[in-house]
Amino acid sequence: MILDDLVATTKERIKNEKSGHNVENVIARFLSPDMGFIGEVKKASPSKEIIVDNFPYLKIAKEYQQAGVDAISVLTEPKYFQGQLKYLTDIKKEVDVPILRKDFVVDPYMIYQAKFARANIILLITAILTPKQLKKFQQLADELDLAAIVEVHSKDELDVALNAGAKIIGVNNRNLKDFTVDLNNSLKLRNLVPKQIPFIAESGIKSVEDIKLLKKANVNEVLIGETFMRANDKLKVINEFKEA
């Protein structure tokens, strides 16, 4: 029967889609022996305002994939980062690496929205959520087979994140209250995160020396936005960082 065929085909399709960039595969990808890179696609930020005037986001995403990044972060917040969810859906059609929806998730709707847009990863920021919300959002991400990077800035926030069941930790070196950046923030918190949980350093990573410092501290991944976005030859810069 046609209905039976449709059901069988759909089950096979969902199985294939789930096996691509599901939570377990994203975590395994982030825990590879060598430090990995998450390239960020963003036009602006509150601290720097317009980062680039020319914004061929599809070309940028393809360059990141060519450079062998582990994931691509796409800003979807419109007011301060000039992002759009459309950028994510367009990029998803063109590349075959996990896609992170980078936004300020404050409502479960945004998590469902990310799933519908075919994101593979979401960002949960501990500083803007109550412990109860964080746990609820992490559980919802798990149910939807979305990986969640739980972002922290301090030991207290890290404790909240781990208690909420975080499977991936991102340490923001930028203080969201005053926008100051300190790379030592990642170094201070690294040893407090269990080795089976990927540790991602975010913000303020600009040079080969920064990469060497973070590699020495056994950081699993670095998320880099402004440095890559400003680079005329992104492939060259990423390769230099990989060889550091």
Protein backbone atom coordinates (compact mmCIF):
# COMPACT_ATOMS: atom_id res chain seq x y z
CA MET A 1 0.00 0.00 0.00
CA ILE A 2 1.09 3.55 -0.67
CA LEU A 3 0.56 4.48 3.00
CA ASP A 4 2.85 1.67 4.15
CA ASP A 5 5.49 2.79 1.68
CA LEU A 6 5.17 6.38 2.88
CA VAL A 7 5.58 5.34 6.51
CA ALA A 8 8.60 3.14 5.73
CA THR A 9 10.23 5.87 3.63
CA THR A 10 9.59 8.48 6.30
CA LYS A 11 11.08 6.27 9.03
CA GLU A 12 14.21 5.76 6.93
CA ARG A 13 14.47 9.49 6.20
CA ILE A 14 14.15 10.44 9.87
CA LYS A 15 16.68 7.77 10.83
CA ASN A 16 19.17 9.21 8.35
CA GLU A 17 18.55 12.78 9.46
CA LYS A 18 18.93 11.88 13.12
CA SER A 19 22.15 9.99 12.51
CA GLY A 20 23.76 12.99 10.81
CA HIS A 21 24.32 15.68 13.42
CA ASN A 22 22.47 14.42 16.48
CA VAL A 23 23.57 15.21 20.02
CA GLU A 24 25.90 12.21 20.38
CA ASN A 25 27.64 12.93 17.08
CA VAL A 26 28.06 16.62 17.86
CA ILE A 27 29.59 15.78 21.25
CA ALA A 28 31.91 13.22 19.66
CA ARG A 29 32.91 15.78 17.04
CA PHE A 30 33.73 18.34 19.74
CA LEU A 31 35.77 15.79 21.73
CA SER A 32 38.16 14.89 18.91
CA PRO A 33 41.88 14.69 19.88
CA ASP A 34 42.79 17.95 18.14
CA MET A 35 41.34 21.33 19.03
CA GLY A 36 38.41 22.13 16.77
CA PHE A 37 36.96 25.35 15.46
CA ILE A 38 33.48 26.82 15.27
CA GLY A 39 33.31 29.59 12.69
CA GLU A 40 30.77 32.30 13.31
CA VAL A 41 28.70 34.11 10.71
CA LYS A 42 27.80 37.56 12.00
CA LYS A 43 27.55 41.05 10.59
CA ALA A 44 27.53 43.12 13.78
CA SER A 45 27.74 42.98 17.58
CA PRO A 46 26.84 45.32 20.46
CA SER A 47 30.50 45.85 21.36
CA LYS A 48 31.86 46.40 17.83
CA GLU A 49 28.69 47.51 15.99
CA ILE A 50 29.18 46.78 12.26
CA ILE A 51 31.96 44.22 11.87
CA VAL A 52 31.80 43.88 8.08
CA ASP A 53 29.92 45.93 5.49
CA ASN A 54 30.09 43.19 2.89
CA PHE A 55 28.16 40.17 4.19
CA PRO A 56 27.97 37.28 1.67
CA TYR A 57 26.89 34.87 4.38
CA LEU A 58 26.55 31.82 2.12
CA LYS A 59 30.06 32.32 0.74
CA ILE A 60 31.41 32.71 4.27
CA ALA A 61 29.71 29.51 5.43
CA LYS A 62 31.09 27.57 2.46
CA GLU A 63 34.59 28.89 3.21
CA TYR A 64 34.24 27.70 6.80
CA GLN A 65 33.20 24.24 5.61
CA GLN A 66 36.11 24.15 3.16
CA ALA A 67 38.44 25.01 6.04
CA GLY A 68 37.15 22.00 7.98
CA VAL A 69 35.38 23.67 10.90
CA ASP A 70 33.46 21.42 13.28
CA ALA A 71 30.38 23.65 13.26
CA ILE A 72 29.10 26.98 12.00
CA SER A 73 27.51 29.47 14.37
CA VAL A 74 24.89 31.74 12.83
CA LEU A 75 23.66 34.86 14.59
CA THR A 76 19.89 35.18 14.33
CA GLU A 77 19.34 38.12 16.74
CA PRO A 78 18.21 41.05 14.56
CA LYS A 79 18.58 44.27 16.56
CA TYR A 80 22.13 44.20 17.93
CA PHE A 81 23.73 41.55 15.70
CA GLN A 82 21.72 42.23 12.52
CA GLY A 83 21.05 38.52 12.24
CA GLN A 84 18.14 36.64 10.70
CA LEU A 85 16.79 33.12 11.01
CA LYS A 86 16.77 33.14 7.20
CA TYR A 87 20.58 33.17 7.22
CA LEU A 88 20.55 29.89 9.15
CA THR A 89 18.02 28.15 6.91
CA ASP A 90 19.83 29.31 3.77
CA ILE A 91 23.22 28.18 5.09
CA LYS A 92 21.82 24.81 6.19
CA LYS A 93 20.89 24.07 2.58
CA GLU A 94 24.43 24.72 1.39
CA VAL A 95 26.72 23.06 3.93
CA ASP A 96 26.98 19.72 5.68
CA VAL A 97 28.35 20.59 9.10
CA PRO A 98 26.39 21.13 12.33
CA ILE A 99 24.74 24.55 12.55
CA LEU A 100 24.42 26.49 15.79
CA ARG A 101 21.60 28.96 16.21
CA LYS A 102 23.29 31.76 18.15
CA ASP A 103 20.63 33.81 19.89
CA PHE A 104 19.34 34.75 23.33
CA VAL A 105 16.95 31.91 24.07
CA VAL A 106 14.40 33.11 26.61
CA ASP A 107 11.34 31.10 25.59
CA PRO A 108 10.74 27.44 24.67
CA TYR A 109 9.26 28.65 21.38
CA MET A 110 12.75 29.66 20.25
CA ILE A 111 13.98 26.11 20.77
CA TYR A 112 11.15 24.65 18.69
CA GLN A 113 11.84 27.39 16.13
CA ALA A 114 15.50 26.37 15.96
CA LYS A 115 14.53 22.74 15.39
CA PHE A 116 12.06 23.70 12.67
CA ALA A 117 14.76 25.81 10.99
CA ARG A 118 16.96 22.66 11.00
CA ALA A 119 19.58 23.93 13.42
CA ASN A 120 21.58 21.19 15.10
CA ILE A 121 22.75 23.16 18.12
CA ILE A 122 21.31 25.94 20.27
CA LEU A 123 22.91 28.29 22.78
CA LEU A 124 21.62 28.51 26.34
CA ILE A 125 23.08 31.43 28.31
CA THR A 126 23.15 30.76 32.03
CA ALA A 127 23.33 34.47 32.88
CA ILE A 128 19.90 35.21 31.40
CA LEU A 129 18.02 32.15 32.69
CA THR A 130 16.95 30.95 36.11
CA PRO A 131 18.31 27.52 37.14
CA LYS A 132 14.80 26.14 36.67
CA GLN A 133 14.52 27.60 33.15
CA LEU A 134 17.97 26.34 32.20
CA LYS A 135 17.14 22.80 33.28
CA LYS A 136 13.80 22.92 31.47
CA PHE A 137 15.38 24.24 28.26
CA GLN A 138 18.19 21.65 28.39
CA GLN A 139 15.61 18.88 28.78
CA LEU A 140 13.58 20.25 25.85
CA ALA A 141 16.70 20.36 23.69
CA ASP A 142 17.40 16.72 24.63
CA GLU A 143 13.84 15.73 23.69
CA LEU A 144 14.18 17.44 20.30
CA ASP A 145 17.61 15.90 19.67
CA LEU A 146 19.26 19.32 19.66
CA ALA A 147 22.72 19.74 21.12
CA ALA A 148 22.89 22.67 23.53
CA ILE A 149 25.98 24.71 24.32
CA VAL A 150 25.40 26.03 27.83
CA GLU A 151 27.33 29.27 28.15
CA VAL A 152 28.86 30.38 31.45
CA HIS A 153 31.17 33.14 32.60
CA SER A 154 31.98 32.19 36.19
CA LYS A 155 32.37 29.23 38.52
CA ASP A 156 28.94 29.89 40.04
CA GLU A 157 27.33 29.83 36.59
CA LEU A 158 29.28 26.68 35.73
CA ASP A 159 27.88 24.95 38.82
CA VAL A 160 24.35 25.93 37.76
CA ALA A 161 24.99 24.65 34.22
CA LEU A 162 26.34 21.28 35.35
CA ASN A 163 23.47 20.86 37.84
CA ALA A 164 21.05 21.53 34.97
CA GLY A 165 22.49 18.61 33.03
CA ALA A 166 24.62 20.52 30.52
CA LYS A 167 26.30 18.20 28.00
CA ILE A 168 28.43 20.91 26.36
CA ILE A 169 29.96 23.89 28.17
CA GLY A 170 30.90 27.15 26.49
CA VAL A 171 32.92 29.69 28.47
CA ASN A 172 32.43 33.25 27.34
CA ASN A 173 35.58 35.26 27.91
CA ARG A 174 33.51 38.41 27.46
CA ASN A 175 31.67 39.80 30.46
CA LEU A 176 28.17 40.49 29.14
CA LYS A 177 27.67 43.29 31.68
CA ASP A 178 30.57 45.53 30.64
CA PHE A 179 31.89 43.74 27.51
CA THR A 180 35.42 43.42 28.87
CA VAL A 181 37.30 40.38 27.59
CA ASP A 182 39.73 38.15 29.48
CA LEU A 183 41.04 34.96 27.90
CA ASN A 184 42.10 33.74 31.34
CA ASN A 185 38.45 33.12 32.08
CA SER A 186 38.59 29.94 29.99
CA LEU A 187 41.86 28.89 31.56
CA LYS A 188 40.46 29.30 35.10
CA LEU A 189 37.37 27.20 34.44
CA ARG A 190 38.83 24.48 32.21
CA ASN A 191 39.77 22.01 34.93
CA LEU A 192 36.38 22.34 36.60
CA VAL A 193 34.61 20.70 33.66
CA PRO A 194 34.58 16.88 33.40
CA LYS A 195 36.60 15.56 30.45
CA GLN A 196 33.60 13.84 28.87
CA ILE A 197 31.90 17.23 28.47
CA PRO A 198 33.19 19.31 25.52
CA PHE A 199 34.71 22.61 26.63
CA ILE A 200 34.38 25.54 24.21
CA ALA A 201 36.21 28.85 24.62
CA GLU A 202 34.33 31.84 23.21
CA SER A 203 35.25 35.48 22.51
CA GLY A 204 38.50 37.41 22.38
CA ILE A 205 40.47 34.78 20.43
CA LYS A 206 42.56 36.70 17.94
CA SER A 207 46.00 35.20 17.40
CA VAL A 208 48.09 32.06 17.03
CA GLU A 209 49.41 32.78 20.52
CA ASP A 210 45.86 32.68 21.89
CA ILE A 211 45.29 29.33 20.20
CA LYS A 212 48.51 27.88 21.61
CA LEU A 213 47.52 29.01 25.11
CA LEU A 214 44.09 27.39 24.85
CA LYS A 215 45.49 24.21 23.31
CA LYS A 216 47.90 23.89 26.21
CA ALA A 217 44.92 24.09 28.56
CA ASN A 218 43.20 21.23 26.68
CA VAL A 219 40.33 23.34 25.38
CA ASN A 220 38.31 21.17 22.97
CA GLU A 221 36.86 23.85 20.71
CA VAL A 222 37.13 27.57 20.09
CA LEU A 223 34.27 29.66 18.77
CA ILE A 224 35.61 32.56 16.73
CA GLY A 225 33.56 35.32 15.16
CA GLU A 226 35.13 38.73 14.68
CA THR A 227 38.66 37.50 13.87
CA PHE A 228 37.40 35.20 11.12
CA MET A 229 34.82 37.67 9.84
CA ARG A 230 37.43 40.40 9.38
CA ALA A 231 39.91 38.07 7.64
CA ASN A 232 40.14 38.54 3.89
CA ASP A 233 41.44 35.00 3.52
CA LYS A 234 39.51 32.95 6.07
CA LEU A 235 40.95 29.64 4.89
CA LYS A 236 44.49 30.88 5.45
CA VAL A 237 43.77 32.16 8.96
CA ILE A 238 41.96 28.99 10.02
CA ASN A 239 44.80 26.83 8.69
CA GLU A 240 47.34 28.95 10.60
CA PHE A 241 45.31 28.49 13.77
CA LYS A 242 45.02 24.73 13.17
CA GLU A 243 48.78 24.44 12.77
CA ALA A 244 49.51 26.43 15.94
